[in-house]
């Protein structure tokens, strides 16, 4: 039984090139092509393919939005992002939405075909540059977690209120401590998180939460 594949890609030449190469294989077949997101959303659930090759930046919407909307209704379908974008935000938003693979356009067709087989068999194929970014992200995350763990409960509380945009006086009034005590906590937070200002501290805290 061949692997059923849908291609969602608004660049027609690339879409058709993928279809041609995939259909040349004995173990896979393109069952539909879509050139915009709205058509994909309307039809994907009914088709229910094994694998969807999904472009991130479609003309009418983000491929990430499509996965986010359909993932729960298509639990057996695997989504591979196939895109020219390799920035961290798009990578992690794709993975959070439910993509199980992430390939950069320009990969060889052999790599793409191998990735389809891999994801169909339970793997999570990624271009090497993407895999490196994912590893780096979790290394940074582990480092941030260690720093946050150094904070006392009160310091975490102050940092959380800082991240919500409260001023020192407002923080003090909310948790019944003086401004000087708030400042002391903030100083400890900066030292333990290895940052120099409020913006850096909040960014690190947000990275920890995400």
C-alpha atoms as a PDB file:
ATOM      1  CA  UNK A   1       0.000   0.000   0.000  1.00  0.00           C
ATOM      2  CA  UNK A   2       1.499   3.343  -1.055  1.00  0.00           C
ATOM      3  CA  UNK A   3       1.913   6.406   1.164  1.00  0.00           C
ATOM      4  CA  UNK A   4      -0.778   8.974   0.277  1.00  0.00           C
ATOM      5  CA  UNK A   5       0.534  12.526   0.087  1.00  0.00           C
ATOM      6  CA  UNK A   6      -1.005  15.971  -0.315  1.00  0.00           C
ATOM      7  CA  UNK A   7       1.128  18.949  -1.365  1.00  0.00           C
ATOM      8  CA  UNK A   8       0.130  22.417  -0.118  1.00  0.00           C
ATOM      9  CA  UNK A   9       2.425  24.851  -1.918  1.00  0.00           C
ATOM     10  CA  UNK A  10       1.604  28.093  -3.744  1.00  0.00           C
ATOM     11  CA  UNK A  11       4.718  28.029  -5.931  1.00  0.00           C
ATOM     12  CA  UNK A  12       3.292  26.015  -8.815  1.00  0.00           C
ATOM     13  CA  UNK A  13       6.598  24.912 -10.334  1.00  0.00           C
ATOM     14  CA  UNK A  14       7.837  23.541  -7.019  1.00  0.00           C
ATOM     15  CA  UNK A  15       4.468  21.943  -6.266  1.00  0.00           C
ATOM     16  CA  UNK A  16       4.433  20.192  -9.648  1.00  0.00           C
ATOM     17  CA  UNK A  17       8.095  19.167  -9.358  1.00  0.00           C
ATOM     18  CA  UNK A  18       7.402  17.531  -5.990  1.00  0.00           C
ATOM     19  CA  UNK A  19       4.391  15.737  -7.421  1.00  0.00           C
ATOM     20  CA  UNK A  20       6.345  14.420 -10.390  1.00  0.00           C
ATOM     21  CA  UNK A  21       9.198  13.036  -8.289  1.00  0.00           C
ATOM     22  CA  UNK A  22       6.905  11.568  -5.614  1.00  0.00           C
ATOM     23  CA  UNK A  23       4.658   9.836  -8.155  1.00  0.00           C
ATOM     24  CA  UNK A  24       7.720   8.271  -9.755  1.00  0.00           C
ATOM     25  CA  UNK A  25       8.231   6.242  -6.553  1.00  0.00           C
ATOM     26  CA  UNK A  26       6.675   2.809  -6.151  1.00  0.00           C
ATOM     27  CA  UNK A  27       5.692   3.334  -2.515  1.00  0.00           C
ATOM     28  CA  UNK A  28       4.048   6.777  -2.553  1.00  0.00           C
ATOM     29  CA  UNK A  29       1.464   8.773  -4.465  1.00  0.00           C
ATOM     30  CA  UNK A  30       0.280  12.395  -4.515  1.00  0.00           C
ATOM     31  CA  UNK A  31      -3.503  12.267  -4.041  1.00  0.00           C
ATOM     32  CA  UNK A  32      -4.090  16.043  -4.175  1.00  0.00           C
ATOM     33  CA  UNK A  33      -2.346  19.372  -4.746  1.00  0.00           C
ATOM     34  CA  UNK A  34      -3.413  22.707  -3.294  1.00  0.00           C
ATOM     35  CA  UNK A  35      -2.005  26.095  -4.190  1.00  0.00           C
ATOM     36  CA  UNK A  36      -3.553  28.113  -1.351  1.00  0.00           C
ATOM     37  CA  UNK A  37      -4.534  27.625   2.266  1.00  0.00           C
ATOM     38  CA  UNK A  38      -8.305  28.024   1.983  1.00  0.00           C
ATOM     39  CA  UNK A  39      -8.604  25.133  -0.485  1.00  0.00           C
ATOM     40  CA  UNK A  40      -6.406  22.997   1.752  1.00  0.00           C
ATOM     41  CA  UNK A  41      -8.557  23.683   4.826  1.00  0.00           C
ATOM     42  CA  UNK A  42     -11.750  22.870   2.906  1.00  0.00           C
ATOM     43  CA  UNK A  43     -10.527  19.520   1.593  1.00  0.00           C
ATOM     44  CA  UNK A  44      -7.760  18.031   3.743  1.00  0.00           C
ATOM     45  CA  UNK A  45      -9.967  16.419   6.395  1.00  0.00           C
ATOM     46  CA  UNK A  46     -12.019  14.565   3.786  1.00  0.00           C
ATOM     47  CA  UNK A  47      -8.904  13.373   1.917  1.00  0.00           C
ATOM     48  CA  UNK A  48      -7.126  12.387   5.152  1.00  0.00           C
ATOM     49  CA  UNK A  49      -3.720  11.623   3.589  1.00  0.00           C
ATOM     50  CA  UNK A  50      -0.843   9.912   5.353  1.00  0.00           C
ATOM     51  CA  UNK A  51       1.475  12.889   4.847  1.00  0.00           C
ATOM     52  CA  UNK A  52       1.020  16.582   4.004  1.00  0.00           C
ATOM     53  CA  UNK A  53       3.915  18.558   2.550  1.00  0.00           C
ATOM     54  CA  UNK A  54       3.067  22.036   3.829  1.00  0.00           C
ATOM     55  CA  UNK A  55       4.532  25.385   2.822  1.00  0.00           C
ATOM     56  CA  UNK A  56       4.704  27.884   5.677  1.00  0.00           C
ATOM     57  CA  UNK A  57       4.125  31.160   3.826  1.00  0.00           C
ATOM     58  CA  UNK A  58       1.126  30.691   1.551  1.00  0.00           C
ATOM     59  CA  UNK A  59      -0.373  33.704  -0.207  1.00  0.00           C
ATOM     60  CA  UNK A  60      -3.590  33.694   1.808  1.00  0.00           C
ATOM     61  CA  UNK A  61      -2.442  32.376   5.189  1.00  0.00           C
ATOM     62  CA  UNK A  62       0.335  30.663   7.123  1.00  0.00           C
ATOM     63  CA  UNK A  63       0.694  26.904   6.823  1.00  0.00           C
ATOM     64  CA  UNK A  64       1.106  26.915  10.612  1.00  0.00           C
ATOM     65  CA  UNK A  65      -2.507  28.155  10.910  1.00  0.00           C
ATOM     66  CA  UNK A  66      -3.743  25.279   8.760  1.00  0.00           C
ATOM     67  CA  UNK A  67      -2.004  22.679  10.917  1.00  0.00           C
ATOM     68  CA  UNK A  68      -3.261  24.368  14.074  1.00  0.00           C
ATOM     69  CA  UNK A  69      -6.869  24.238  12.816  1.00  0.00           C
ATOM     70  CA  UNK A  70      -6.807  20.687  11.442  1.00  0.00           C
ATOM     71  CA  UNK A  71      -4.399  18.756  13.672  1.00  0.00           C
ATOM     72  CA  UNK A  72      -6.991  17.478  16.161  1.00  0.00           C
ATOM     73  CA  UNK A  73      -9.299  16.302  13.379  1.00  0.00           C
ATOM     74  CA  UNK A  74      -6.464  14.605  11.471  1.00  0.00           C
ATOM     75  CA  UNK A  75      -4.549  12.688  14.171  1.00  0.00           C
ATOM     76  CA  UNK A  76      -3.244  10.064  11.733  1.00  0.00           C
ATOM     77  CA  UNK A  77      -1.854  12.590   9.233  1.00  0.00           C
ATOM     78  CA  UNK A  78       1.780  13.706   9.507  1.00  0.00           C
ATOM     79  CA  UNK A  79       2.677  17.263   8.483  1.00  0.00           C
ATOM     80  CA  UNK A  80       6.095  18.129   7.057  1.00  0.00           C
ATOM     81  CA  UNK A  81       6.890  21.813   6.710  1.00  0.00           C
ATOM     82  CA  UNK A  82       8.770  22.388   3.461  1.00  0.00           C
ATOM     83  CA  UNK A  83       9.820  26.011   3.330  1.00  0.00           C
ATOM     84  CA  UNK A  84      12.477  28.613   2.679  1.00  0.00           C
ATOM     85  CA  UNK A  85      12.117  30.023   6.222  1.00  0.00           C
ATOM     86  CA  UNK A  86      14.487  28.841   8.945  1.00  0.00           C
ATOM     87  CA  UNK A  87      14.005  31.493  11.643  1.00  0.00           C
ATOM     88  CA  UNK A  88      13.502  30.232  15.181  1.00  0.00           C
ATOM     89  CA  UNK A  89       9.965  31.576  15.659  1.00  0.00           C
ATOM     90  CA  UNK A  90       8.535  29.843  12.588  1.00  0.00           C
ATOM     91  CA  UNK A  91      10.329  26.598  13.425  1.00  0.00           C
ATOM     92  CA  UNK A  92       8.964  26.396  16.958  1.00  0.00           C
ATOM     93  CA  UNK A  93       5.495  27.663  16.071  1.00  0.00           C
ATOM     94  CA  UNK A  94       5.337  24.907  13.440  1.00  0.00           C
ATOM     95  CA  UNK A  95       6.408  22.232  15.909  1.00  0.00           C
ATOM     96  CA  UNK A  96       3.986  23.526  18.555  1.00  0.00           C
ATOM     97  CA  UNK A  97       1.144  23.463  16.019  1.00  0.00           C
ATOM     98  CA  UNK A  98       1.850  19.795  15.381  1.00  0.00           C
ATOM     99  CA  UNK A  99       4.287  19.528  12.477  1.00  0.00           C
ATOM    100  CA  UNK A 100       6.399  16.388  12.722  1.00  0.00           C
ATOM    101  CA  UNK A 101       9.024  17.370  10.157  1.00  0.00           C
ATOM    102  CA  UNK A 102      10.707  20.542   8.950  1.00  0.00           C
ATOM    103  CA  UNK A 103      12.637  20.722   5.682  1.00  0.00           C
ATOM    104  CA  UNK A 104      14.301  23.677   3.992  1.00  0.00           C
ATOM    105  CA  UNK A 105      13.541  24.142   0.318  1.00  0.00           C
ATOM    106  CA  UNK A 106      16.680  23.322  -1.572  1.00  0.00           C
ATOM    107  CA  UNK A 107      17.075  19.951   0.063  1.00  0.00           C
ATOM    108  CA  UNK A 108      17.696  17.221  -2.494  1.00  0.00           C
ATOM    109  CA  UNK A 109      14.699  15.267  -3.707  1.00  0.00           C
ATOM    110  CA  UNK A 110      16.328  12.149  -2.229  1.00  0.00           C
ATOM    111  CA  UNK A 111      16.265  13.835   1.184  1.00  0.00           C
ATOM    112  CA  UNK A 112      12.623  14.850   0.741  1.00  0.00           C
ATOM    113  CA  UNK A 113      11.579  11.347  -0.305  1.00  0.00           C
ATOM    114  CA  UNK A 114      13.511   9.812   2.597  1.00  0.00           C
ATOM    115  CA  UNK A 115      11.817  12.278   4.968  1.00  0.00           C
ATOM    116  CA  UNK A 116       8.358  11.276   3.747  1.00  0.00           C
ATOM    117  CA  UNK A 117       9.168   7.625   4.415  1.00  0.00           C
ATOM    118  CA  UNK A 118      10.708   8.536   7.760  1.00  0.00           C
ATOM    119  CA  UNK A 119       7.726  10.550   9.020  1.00  0.00           C
ATOM    120  CA  UNK A 120       5.321   7.847   7.780  1.00  0.00           C
ATOM    121  CA  UNK A 121       7.232   5.304   9.884  1.00  0.00           C
ATOM    122  CA  UNK A 122       7.147   7.413  13.023  1.00  0.00           C
ATOM    123  CA  UNK A 123      10.223   9.587  12.585  1.00  0.00           C
ATOM    124  CA  UNK A 124      10.615  13.370  12.817  1.00  0.00           C
ATOM    125  CA  UNK A 125      12.806  14.391   9.870  1.00  0.00           C
ATOM    126  CA  UNK A 126      14.498  17.782   9.845  1.00  0.00           C
ATOM    127  CA  UNK A 127      17.087  19.531   7.764  1.00  0.00           C
ATOM    128  CA  UNK A 128      20.411  19.454   9.611  1.00  0.00           C
ATOM    129  CA  UNK A 129      20.418  23.238  10.116  1.00  0.00           C
ATOM    130  CA  UNK A 130      16.943  23.047  11.689  1.00  0.00           C
ATOM    131  CA  UNK A 131      17.913  20.155  13.957  1.00  0.00           C
ATOM    132  CA  UNK A 132      20.863  22.217  15.165  1.00  0.00           C
ATOM    133  CA  UNK A 133      18.599  25.170  15.964  1.00  0.00           C
ATOM    134  CA  UNK A 134      16.245  22.905  17.916  1.00  0.00           C
ATOM    135  CA  UNK A 135      19.139  21.494  19.959  1.00  0.00           C
ATOM    136  CA  UNK A 136      20.510  24.978  20.613  1.00  0.00           C
ATOM    137  CA  UNK A 137      17.079  26.143  21.732  1.00  0.00           C
ATOM    138  CA  UNK A 138      16.786  23.393  24.334  1.00  0.00           C
ATOM    139  CA  UNK A 139      20.351  23.963  25.513  1.00  0.00           C
ATOM    140  CA  UNK A 140      19.515  27.640  26.081  1.00  0.00           C
ATOM    141  CA  UNK A 141      16.230  26.665  27.710  1.00  0.00           C
ATOM    142  CA  UNK A 142      18.020  24.345  30.154  1.00  0.00           C
ATOM    143  CA  UNK A 143      20.422  27.137  31.036  1.00  0.00           C
ATOM    144  CA  UNK A 144      17.531  29.547  31.680  1.00  0.00           C
ATOM    145  CA  UNK A 145      15.701  26.952  33.790  1.00  0.00           C
ATOM    146  CA  UNK A 146      18.776  26.567  36.002  1.00  0.00           C
ATOM    147  CA  UNK A 147      18.996  30.338  36.462  1.00  0.00           C
ATOM    148  CA  UNK A 148      15.272  30.678  37.249  1.00  0.00           C
ATOM    149  CA  UNK A 149      15.563  27.865  39.789  1.00  0.00           C
ATOM    150  CA  UNK A 150      18.115  29.996  41.651  1.00  0.00           C
ATOM    151  CA  UNK A 151      15.407  32.572  42.400  1.00  0.00           C
ATOM    152  CA  UNK A 152      13.440  32.479  45.638  1.00  0.00           C
ATOM    153  CA  UNK A 153       9.640  32.234  45.463  1.00  0.00           C
ATOM    154  CA  UNK A 154       9.390  35.950  46.301  1.00  0.00           C
ATOM    155  CA  UNK A 155      11.880  36.860  43.571  1.00  0.00           C
ATOM    156  CA  UNK A 156       9.910  34.799  41.056  1.00  0.00           C
ATOM    157  CA  UNK A 157       6.760  36.598  42.158  1.00  0.00           C
ATOM    158  CA  UNK A 158       8.420  40.005  41.675  1.00  0.00           C
ATOM    159  CA  UNK A 159       9.777  38.980  38.269  1.00  0.00           C
ATOM    160  CA  UNK A 160       6.348  37.774  37.174  1.00  0.00           C
ATOM    161  CA  UNK A 161       4.798  41.106  38.167  1.00  0.00           C
ATOM    162  CA  UNK A 162       7.580  42.960  36.348  1.00  0.00           C
ATOM    163  CA  UNK A 163       6.765  40.935  33.228  1.00  0.00           C
ATOM    164  CA  UNK A 164       3.131  42.057  33.547  1.00  0.00           C
ATOM    165  CA  UNK A 165       4.293  45.680  33.315  1.00  0.00           C
ATOM    166  CA  UNK A 166       3.859  46.728  36.935  1.00  0.00           C
ATOM    167  CA  UNK A 167       6.043  49.499  38.367  1.00  0.00           C
ATOM    168  CA  UNK A 168       8.086  49.048  41.556  1.00  0.00           C
ATOM    169  CA  UNK A 169       5.505  50.919  43.670  1.00  0.00           C
ATOM    170  CA  UNK A 170       2.666  48.868  42.189  1.00  0.00           C
ATOM    171  CA  UNK A 171       4.541  45.655  42.918  1.00  0.00           C
ATOM    172  CA  UNK A 172       5.201  46.759  46.473  1.00  0.00           C
ATOM    173  CA  UNK A 173       1.535  47.659  47.032  1.00  0.00           C
ATOM    174  CA  UNK A 174       0.356  44.367  45.536  1.00  0.00           C
ATOM    175  CA  UNK A 175       2.525  42.089  47.676  1.00  0.00           C
ATOM    176  CA  UNK A 176       2.752  44.409  50.711  1.00  0.00           C
ATOM    177  CA  UNK A 177       6.464  45.246  50.708  1.00  0.00           C
ATOM    178  CA  UNK A 178       8.342  48.555  50.453  1.00  0.00           C
ATOM    179  CA  UNK A 179       9.819  49.963  47.235  1.00  0.00           C
ATOM    180  CA  UNK A 180      13.300  49.481  48.718  1.00  0.00           C
ATOM    181  CA  UNK A 181      12.556  45.793  49.264  1.00  0.00           C
ATOM    182  CA  UNK A 182      11.275  45.497  45.687  1.00  0.00           C
ATOM    183  CA  UNK A 183      14.501  47.100  44.445  1.00  0.00           C
ATOM    184  CA  UNK A 184      16.540  44.668  46.535  1.00  0.00           C
ATOM    185  CA  UNK A 185      14.667  41.707  45.024  1.00  0.00           C
ATOM    186  CA  UNK A 186      15.149  43.108  41.512  1.00  0.00           C
ATOM    187  CA  UNK A 187      18.885  43.462  42.134  1.00  0.00           C
ATOM    188  CA  UNK A 188      19.044  39.828  43.231  1.00  0.00           C
ATOM    189  CA  UNK A 189      17.060  38.796  40.146  1.00  0.00           C
ATOM    190  CA  UNK A 190      19.495  40.575  37.813  1.00  0.00           C
ATOM    191  CA  UNK A 191      22.484  38.972  39.529  1.00  0.00           C
ATOM    192  CA  UNK A 192      21.067  35.444  39.508  1.00  0.00           C
ATOM    193  CA  UNK A 193      19.824  35.655  35.905  1.00  0.00           C
ATOM    194  CA  UNK A 194      23.079  37.251  34.710  1.00  0.00           C
ATOM    195  CA  UNK A 195      21.279  40.236  33.154  1.00  0.00           C
ATOM    196  CA  UNK A 196      21.755  43.989  33.342  1.00  0.00           C
ATOM    197  CA  UNK A 197      18.261  45.415  33.058  1.00  0.00           C
ATOM    198  CA  UNK A 198      14.532  44.782  33.289  1.00  0.00           C
ATOM    199  CA  UNK A 199      14.074  44.042  29.579  1.00  0.00           C
ATOM    200  CA  UNK A 200      16.732  41.307  29.630  1.00  0.00           C
ATOM    201  CA  UNK A 201      15.243  39.806  32.796  1.00  0.00           C
ATOM    202  CA  UNK A 202      11.715  39.747  31.337  1.00  0.00           C
ATOM    203  CA  UNK A 203      12.958  38.259  28.051  1.00  0.00           C
ATOM    204  CA  UNK A 204      14.707  35.481  29.947  1.00  0.00           C
ATOM    205  CA  UNK A 205      11.607  34.854  32.045  1.00  0.00           C
ATOM    206  CA  UNK A 206       9.389  34.691  28.938  1.00  0.00           C
ATOM    207  CA  UNK A 207      11.823  32.254  27.312  1.00  0.00           C
ATOM    208  CA  UNK A 208      11.517  30.102  30.435  1.00  0.00           C
ATOM    209  CA  UNK A 209       7.697  30.169  30.284  1.00  0.00           C
ATOM    210  CA  UNK A 210       7.641  29.253  26.602  1.00  0.00           C
END
